[in-house]
Structure formats: C-alpha cells, structure tokens
Amino acid sequence: MILTVFAGIAEFERHLIRSRTEDGRRAAQARGVAFGRPRKMSKRQEILARELVREGKSISEVARTFNVHPATVYRCLEHQDGL
C-alpha cells in the first residue's frame, strides 16, 4: 500500500516537472532562443553550394569545399526545391 502511495506521488511529481519544462521552453521560444543543433552552413554558403551544383560540380566536390558531409549538400538542394 505504501508503494502505491509513493508511486502516485512520483507520478504527480513527474507531471509537475514536465509542465514546468514545457512552460520554460515556451518562454524561451518567445524570447527567440533557438533550439536544436547549430547549422553547418550559413544561408550564403547554401546558396553558393546550390550554384556550384547547378554549374556542374559534383556533390562530393561541393561537400569537400565546405567541409561538410555530402548529405548536408543534398539537404541544401532539397530546401531549395521546397521554397
């Protein structure tokens, strides 16, 4: 019976922690805090990478130029298609 009471208290405490964390995240977003991993390439670099690919450079050459993985260059190209 005591374990059931402790489990209930723990569940309630977990709910409080989640609620406070979510409130903190919302407040940070309202202040303009960026979440997640930093970008590997700036917007200017992405534009230049797209131009290089359009000019006929291979994906691996462009990736080596910017010192990134080829998948990063492919993502740049996908984002261009989405705009």
Protein backbone atom coordinates (compact mmCIF):
# COMPACT_ATOMS: atom_id res chain seq x y z
CA MET A 1 0.00 0.00 0.00
CA ILE A 2 2.83 2.39 0.83
CA LEU A 3 4.47 1.65 -2.52
CA THR A 4 1.23 2.59 -4.26
CA VAL A 5 1.19 5.94 -2.45
CA PHE A 6 4.85 6.55 -3.36
CA ALA A 7 4.13 5.67 -6.99
CA GLY A 8 1.26 8.17 -7.03
CA ILE A 9 3.47 10.88 -5.58
CA ALA A 10 6.22 10.13 -8.09
CA GLU A 11 3.76 10.29 -10.98
CA PHE A 12 2.44 13.61 -9.74
CA GLU A 13 5.99 15.00 -9.38
CA ARG A 14 6.82 13.85 -12.92
CA HIS A 15 3.75 15.66 -14.21
CA LEU A 16 4.88 18.85 -12.43
CA ILE A 17 8.38 18.58 -13.90
CA ARG A 18 7.02 18.09 -17.44
CA SER A 19 4.68 21.04 -17.01
CA ARG A 20 7.45 23.34 -15.77
CA THR A 21 9.79 22.22 -18.52
CA GLU A 22 7.19 22.88 -21.21
CA ASP A 23 6.45 26.32 -19.74
CA GLY A 24 10.17 27.10 -19.75
CA ARG A 25 10.55 26.02 -23.38
CA ARG A 26 7.62 28.18 -24.45
CA ALA A 27 9.04 31.18 -22.60
CA ALA A 28 12.45 30.65 -24.20
CA GLN A 29 10.92 30.39 -27.67
CA ALA A 30 9.01 33.61 -27.03
CA ARG A 31 12.36 35.27 -26.21
CA GLY A 32 13.76 33.97 -29.50
CA VAL A 33 16.03 31.23 -28.20
CA ALA A 34 16.93 28.74 -30.96
CA PHE A 35 16.61 25.05 -30.12
CA GLY A 36 18.42 22.17 -31.75
CA ARG A 37 21.75 21.61 -33.35
CA PRO A 38 23.51 24.62 -34.92
CA ARG A 39 23.54 24.80 -38.72
CA LYS A 40 26.67 23.59 -40.50
CA MET A 41 26.32 26.04 -43.37
CA SER A 42 25.15 29.64 -43.40
CA LYS A 43 22.43 30.78 -45.80
CA ARG A 44 25.07 32.34 -48.08
CA GLN A 45 27.03 29.09 -48.16
CA GLU A 46 23.86 27.14 -49.02
CA ILE A 47 23.13 29.49 -51.91
CA LEU A 48 26.71 29.16 -53.16
CA ALA A 49 26.57 25.36 -52.85
CA ARG A 50 23.39 25.28 -54.97
CA GLU A 51 25.06 27.45 -57.60
CA LEU A 52 28.11 25.20 -57.70
CA VAL A 53 25.94 22.11 -58.19
CA ARG A 54 23.99 23.89 -60.96
CA GLU A 55 27.30 24.75 -62.63
CA GLY A 56 28.14 21.05 -62.81
CA LYS A 57 30.30 20.44 -59.74
CA SER A 58 29.76 17.06 -58.12
CA ILE A 59 28.11 16.78 -54.73
CA SER A 60 31.28 15.37 -53.20
CA GLU A 61 33.38 18.26 -54.56
CA VAL A 62 30.97 20.80 -53.11
CA ALA A 63 30.93 18.95 -49.80
CA ARG A 64 34.73 18.98 -49.63
CA THR A 65 34.74 22.70 -50.47
CA PHE A 66 32.57 23.49 -47.45
CA ASN A 67 33.99 20.70 -45.26
CA VAL A 68 30.60 19.06 -44.75
CA HIS A 69 29.11 15.64 -45.44
CA PRO A 70 27.53 15.14 -48.89
CA ALA A 71 24.16 14.58 -47.19
CA THR A 72 24.32 18.19 -46.00
CA VAL A 73 24.66 19.36 -49.60
CA TYR A 74 21.72 17.18 -50.64
CA ARG A 75 19.63 18.76 -47.85
CA CYS A 76 20.55 22.21 -49.19
CA LEU A 77 19.25 21.17 -52.58
CA GLU A 78 16.03 19.80 -51.05
CA HIS A 79 15.41 23.04 -49.17
CA GLN A 80 15.77 24.97 -52.44
CA ASP A 81 13.06 22.77 -54.01
CA GLY A 82 10.76 23.45 -51.05
CA LEU A 83 10.97 27.25 -51.43
